[in-house]
Amino acid sequence: MKRVATWAFYAVGALAIAYLALYAYAMFSGSPIMPGDPIHIFRKPDAPSYS
């Protein structure tokens, strides 16, 4: 049981570090996200529109 608790503690710590790294990446790169702006993720400007 102690081993499971240790691995759970490591998993929570790894998730926290990953979240902080993602937050730092979002804060220091790219333009700020404004409410109402469309989200463009990996979309080429000349890609065809299928809608």
PDB file of N, CA and C in Angstrom:
ATOM      1  N   MET A   1       0.824  -1.193   0.000  1.00  0.00           N
ATOM      2  CA  MET A   1       0.000   0.000   0.000  1.00  0.00           C
ATOM      3  C   MET A   1       0.870   1.258   0.000  1.00  0.00           C
ATOM      4  N   LYS A   2       1.972   1.176   0.723  1.00  0.00           N
ATOM      5  CA  LYS A   2       2.865   2.321   0.775  1.00  0.00           C
ATOM      6  C   LYS A   2       3.474   2.598  -0.594  1.00  0.00           C
ATOM      7  N   ARG A   3       3.771   1.535  -1.343  1.00  0.00           N
ATOM      8  CA  ARG A   3       4.344   1.699  -2.680  1.00  0.00           C
ATOM      9  C   ARG A   3       3.341   2.361  -3.618  1.00  0.00           C
ATOM     10  N   VAL A   4       2.061   2.002  -3.518  1.00  0.00           N
ATOM     11  CA  VAL A   4       1.022   2.615  -4.346  1.00  0.00           C
ATOM     12  C   VAL A   4       0.891   4.095  -4.011  1.00  0.00           C
ATOM     13  N   ALA A   5       0.937   4.426  -2.752  1.00  0.00           N
ATOM     14  CA  ALA A   5       0.846   5.825  -2.335  1.00  0.00           C
ATOM     15  C   ALA A   5       2.039   6.628  -2.845  1.00  0.00           C
ATOM     16  N   THR A   6       3.196   6.029  -2.844  1.00  0.00           N
ATOM     17  CA  THR A   6       4.392   6.710  -3.351  1.00  0.00           C
ATOM     18  C   THR A   6       4.255   6.992  -4.836  1.00  0.00           C
ATOM     19  N   TRP A   7       3.800   5.998  -5.611  1.00  0.00           N
ATOM     20  CA  TRP A   7       3.618   6.202  -7.055  1.00  0.00           C
ATOM     21  C   TRP A   7       2.520   7.210  -7.335  1.00  0.00           C
ATOM     22  N   ALA A   8       1.453   7.224  -6.533  1.00  0.00           N
ATOM     23  CA  ALA A   8       0.387   8.213  -6.705  1.00  0.00           C
ATOM     24  C   ALA A   8       0.935   9.615  -6.430  1.00  0.00           C
ATOM     25  N   PHE A   9       1.772   9.750  -5.425  1.00  0.00           N
ATOM     26  CA  PHE A   9       2.388  11.039  -5.112  1.00  0.00           C
ATOM     27  C   PHE A   9       3.269  11.506  -6.268  1.00  0.00           C
ATOM     28  N   TYR A  10       4.054  10.602  -6.838  1.00  0.00           N
ATOM     29  CA  TYR A  10       4.889  10.949  -7.988  1.00  0.00           C
ATOM     30  C   TYR A  10       4.039  11.347  -9.198  1.00  0.00           C
ATOM     31  N   ALA A  11       2.936  10.641  -9.421  1.00  0.00           N
ATOM     32  CA  ALA A  11       2.068  10.948 -10.555  1.00  0.00           C
ATOM     33  C   ALA A  11       1.437  12.330 -10.405  1.00  0.00           C
ATOM     34  N   VAL A  12       0.971  12.662  -9.217  1.00  0.00           N
ATOM     35  CA  VAL A  12       0.389  13.990  -8.982  1.00  0.00           C
ATOM     36  C   VAL A  12       1.453  15.064  -9.161  1.00  0.00           C
ATOM     37  N   GLY A  13       2.645  14.819  -8.691  1.00  0.00           N
ATOM     38  CA  GLY A  13       3.738  15.782  -8.866  1.00  0.00           C
ATOM     39  C   GLY A  13       4.102  15.974 -10.328  1.00  0.00           C
ATOM     40  N   ALA A  14       4.130  14.880 -11.083  1.00  0.00           N
ATOM     41  CA  ALA A  14       4.438  14.986 -12.510  1.00  0.00           C
ATOM     42  C   ALA A  14       3.354  15.754 -13.254  1.00  0.00           C
ATOM     43  N   LEU A  15       2.095  15.520 -12.904  1.00  0.00           N
ATOM     44  CA  LEU A  15       0.997  16.272 -13.529  1.00  0.00           C
ATOM     45  C   LEU A  15       1.098  17.758 -13.192  1.00  0.00           C
ATOM     46  N   ALA A  16       1.453  18.071 -11.963  1.00  0.00           N
ATOM     47  CA  ALA A  16       1.583  19.471 -11.564  1.00  0.00           C
ATOM     48  C   ALA A  16       2.718  20.152 -12.335  1.00  0.00           C
ATOM     49  N   ILE A  17       3.834  19.474 -12.483  1.00  0.00           N
ATOM     50  CA  ILE A  17       4.964  20.046 -13.220  1.00  0.00           C
ATOM     51  C   ILE A  17       4.608  20.210 -14.688  1.00  0.00           C
ATOM     52  N   ALA A  18       3.904  19.241 -15.265  1.00  0.00           N
ATOM     53  CA  ALA A  18       3.481  19.351 -16.665  1.00  0.00           C
ATOM     54  C   ALA A  18       2.524  20.522 -16.848  1.00  0.00           C
ATOM     55  N   TYR A  19       1.606  20.712 -15.902  1.00  0.00           N
ATOM     56  CA  TYR A  19       0.675  21.835 -15.977  1.00  0.00           C
ATOM     57  C   TYR A  19       1.416  23.158 -15.899  1.00  0.00           C
ATOM     58  N   LEU A  20       2.355  23.272 -14.992  1.00  0.00           N
ATOM     59  CA  LEU A  20       3.123  24.510 -14.868  1.00  0.00           C
ATOM     60  C   LEU A  20       3.961  24.776 -16.112  1.00  0.00           C
ATOM     61  N   ALA A  21       4.524  23.730 -16.703  1.00  0.00           N
ATOM     62  CA  ALA A  21       5.299  23.914 -17.928  1.00  0.00           C
ATOM     63  C   ALA A  21       4.396  24.372 -19.074  1.00  0.00           C
ATOM     64  N   LEU A  22       3.214  23.794 -19.185  1.00  0.00           N
ATOM     65  CA  LEU A  22       2.273  24.211 -20.222  1.00  0.00           C
ATOM     66  C   LEU A  22       1.820  25.648 -20.001  1.00  0.00           C
ATOM     67  N   TYR A  23       1.576  26.011 -18.760  1.00  0.00           N
ATOM     68  CA  TYR A  23       1.183  27.382 -18.435  1.00  0.00           C
ATOM     69  C   TYR A  23       2.295  28.363 -18.793  1.00  0.00           C
ATOM     70  N   ALA A  24       3.531  28.024 -18.451  1.00  0.00           N
ATOM     71  CA  ALA A  24       4.663  28.905 -18.775  1.00  0.00           C
ATOM     72  C   ALA A  24       4.825  29.036 -20.287  1.00  0.00           C
ATOM     73  N   TYR A  25       4.654  27.942 -21.012  1.00  0.00           N
ATOM     74  CA  TYR A  25       4.745  27.993 -22.474  1.00  0.00           C
ATOM     75  C   TYR A  25       3.658  28.897 -23.049  1.00  0.00           C
ATOM     76  N   ALA A  26       2.451  28.786 -22.539  1.00  0.00           N
ATOM     77  CA  ALA A  26       1.346  29.606 -23.033  1.00  0.00           C
ATOM     78  C   ALA A  26       1.556  31.081 -22.702  1.00  0.00           C
ATOM     79  N   MET A  27       2.156  31.361 -21.563  1.00  0.00           N
ATOM     80  CA  MET A  27       2.346  32.758 -21.161  1.00  0.00           C
ATOM     81  C   MET A  27       3.477  33.436 -21.937  1.00  0.00           C
ATOM     82  N   PHE A  28       4.534  32.705 -22.238  1.00  0.00           N
ATOM     83  CA  PHE A  28       5.714  33.312 -22.840  1.00  0.00           C
ATOM     84  C   PHE A  28       5.810  33.141 -24.350  1.00  0.00           C
ATOM     85  N   SER A  29       4.833  32.513 -24.971  1.00  0.00           N
ATOM     86  CA  SER A  29       4.886  32.343 -26.424  1.00  0.00           C
ATOM     87  C   SER A  29       3.545  32.711 -27.037  1.00  0.00           C
ATOM     88  N   GLY A  30       3.613  33.182 -28.253  1.00  0.00           N
ATOM     89  CA  GLY A  30       2.390  33.472 -28.974  1.00  0.00           C
ATOM     90  C   GLY A  30       1.686  34.728 -28.498  1.00  0.00           C
ATOM     91  N   SER A  31       0.536  34.962 -29.104  1.00  0.00           N
ATOM     92  CA  SER A  31      -0.258  36.132 -28.740  1.00  0.00           C
ATOM     93  C   SER A  31      -1.209  35.766 -27.609  1.00  0.00           C
ATOM     94  N   PRO A  32      -1.614  36.745 -26.846  1.00  0.00           N
ATOM     95  CA  PRO A  32      -2.540  36.448 -25.753  1.00  0.00           C
ATOM     96  C   PRO A  32      -3.912  36.026 -26.288  1.00  0.00           C
ATOM     97  N   ILE A  33      -4.565  35.168 -25.554  1.00  0.00           N
ATOM     98  CA  ILE A  33      -5.876  34.679 -25.963  1.00  0.00           C
ATOM     99  C   ILE A  33      -6.935  35.643 -25.441  1.00  0.00           C
ATOM    100  N   MET A  34      -7.737  36.153 -26.345  1.00  0.00           N
ATOM    101  CA  MET A  34      -8.806  37.067 -25.978  1.00  0.00           C
ATOM    102  C   MET A  34     -10.141  36.329 -26.048  1.00  0.00           C
ATOM    103  N   PRO A  35     -11.060  36.636 -25.151  1.00  0.00           N
ATOM    104  CA  PRO A  35     -12.374  35.989 -25.208  1.00  0.00           C
ATOM    105  C   PRO A  35     -13.081  36.308 -26.515  1.00  0.00           C
ATOM    106  N   GLY A  36     -13.649  35.303 -27.134  1.00  0.00           N
ATOM    107  CA  GLY A  36     -14.362  35.482 -28.384  1.00  0.00           C
ATOM    108  C   GLY A  36     -13.522  35.242 -29.617  1.00  0.00           C
ATOM    109  N   ASP A  37     -12.209  35.175 -29.477  1.00  0.00           N
ATOM    110  CA  ASP A  37     -11.338  34.902 -30.617  1.00  0.00           C
ATOM    111  C   ASP A  37     -11.462  33.440 -31.021  1.00  0.00           C
ATOM    112  N   PRO A  38     -11.490  33.163 -32.314  1.00  0.00           N
ATOM    113  CA  PRO A  38     -11.516  31.756 -32.724  1.00  0.00           C
ATOM    114  C   PRO A  38     -10.182  31.086 -32.418  1.00  0.00           C
ATOM    115  N   ILE A  39     -10.242  29.806 -32.154  1.00  0.00           N
ATOM    116  CA  ILE A  39      -9.029  29.048 -31.833  1.00  0.00           C
ATOM    117  C   ILE A  39      -8.504  28.412 -33.119  1.00  0.00           C
ATOM    118  N   HIS A  40      -7.276  28.734 -33.489  1.00  0.00           N
ATOM    119  CA  HIS A  40      -6.644  28.184 -34.681  1.00  0.00           C
ATOM    120  C   HIS A  40      -5.497  27.287 -34.235  1.00  0.00           C
ATOM    121  N   ILE A  41      -5.687  25.993 -34.340  1.00  0.00           N
ATOM    122  CA  ILE A  41      -4.668  25.039 -33.940  1.00  0.00           C
ATOM    123  C   ILE A  41      -4.269  24.215 -35.157  1.00  0.00           C
ATOM    124  N   PHE A  42      -3.017  24.335 -35.584  1.00  0.00           N
ATOM    125  CA  PHE A  42      -2.450  23.565 -36.684  1.00  0.00           C
ATOM    126  C   PHE A  42      -3.305  23.660 -37.949  1.00  0.00           C
ATOM    127  N   ARG A  43      -3.747  24.853 -38.305  1.00  0.00           N
ATOM    128  CA  ARG A  43      -4.551  25.032 -39.507  1.00  0.00           C
ATOM    129  C   ARG A  43      -3.785  25.912 -40.477  1.00  0.00           C
ATOM    130  N   LYS A  44      -3.597  25.425 -41.690  1.00  0.00           N
ATOM    131  CA  LYS A  44      -2.918  26.194 -42.716  1.00  0.00           C
ATOM    132  C   LYS A  44      -3.872  27.250 -43.254  1.00  0.00           C
ATOM    133  N   PRO A  45      -3.373  28.436 -43.573  1.00  0.00           N
ATOM    134  CA  PRO A  45      -4.249  29.480 -44.103  1.00  0.00           C
ATOM    135  C   PRO A  45      -4.862  29.110 -45.440  1.00  0.00           C
ATOM    136  N   ASP A  46      -4.176  28.318 -46.260  1.00  0.00           N
ATOM    137  CA  ASP A  46      -4.694  27.980 -47.579  1.00  0.00           C
ATOM    138  C   ASP A  46      -5.428  26.628 -47.605  1.00  0.00           C
ATOM    139  N   ALA A  47      -5.767  26.095 -46.422  1.00  0.00           N
ATOM    140  CA  ALA A  47      -6.486  24.821 -46.378  1.00  0.00           C
ATOM    141  C   ALA A  47      -7.922  25.026 -46.828  1.00  0.00           C
ATOM    142  N   PRO A  48      -8.513  24.033 -47.507  1.00  0.00           N
ATOM    143  CA  PRO A  48      -9.893  24.176 -47.963  1.00  0.00           C
ATOM    144  C   PRO A  48     -10.877  24.146 -46.806  1.00  0.00           C
ATOM    145  N   SER A  49     -11.987  24.830 -46.967  1.00  0.00           N
ATOM    146  CA  SER A  49     -13.028  24.839 -45.952  1.00  0.00           C
ATOM    147  C   SER A  49     -14.104  23.825 -46.354  1.00  0.00           C
ATOM    148  N   TYR A  50     -14.370  22.857 -45.500  1.00  0.00           N
ATOM    149  CA  TYR A  50     -15.334  21.818 -45.814  1.00  0.00           C
ATOM    150  C   TYR A  50     -16.705  22.079 -45.213  1.00  0.00           C
ATOM    151  N   SER A  51     -16.871  23.193 -44.538  1.00  0.00           N
ATOM    152  CA  SER A  51     -18.171  23.452 -43.921  1.00  0.00           C
ATOM    153  C   SER A  51     -19.062  24.280 -44.823  1.00  0.00           C
TER     154      SER A  51
END
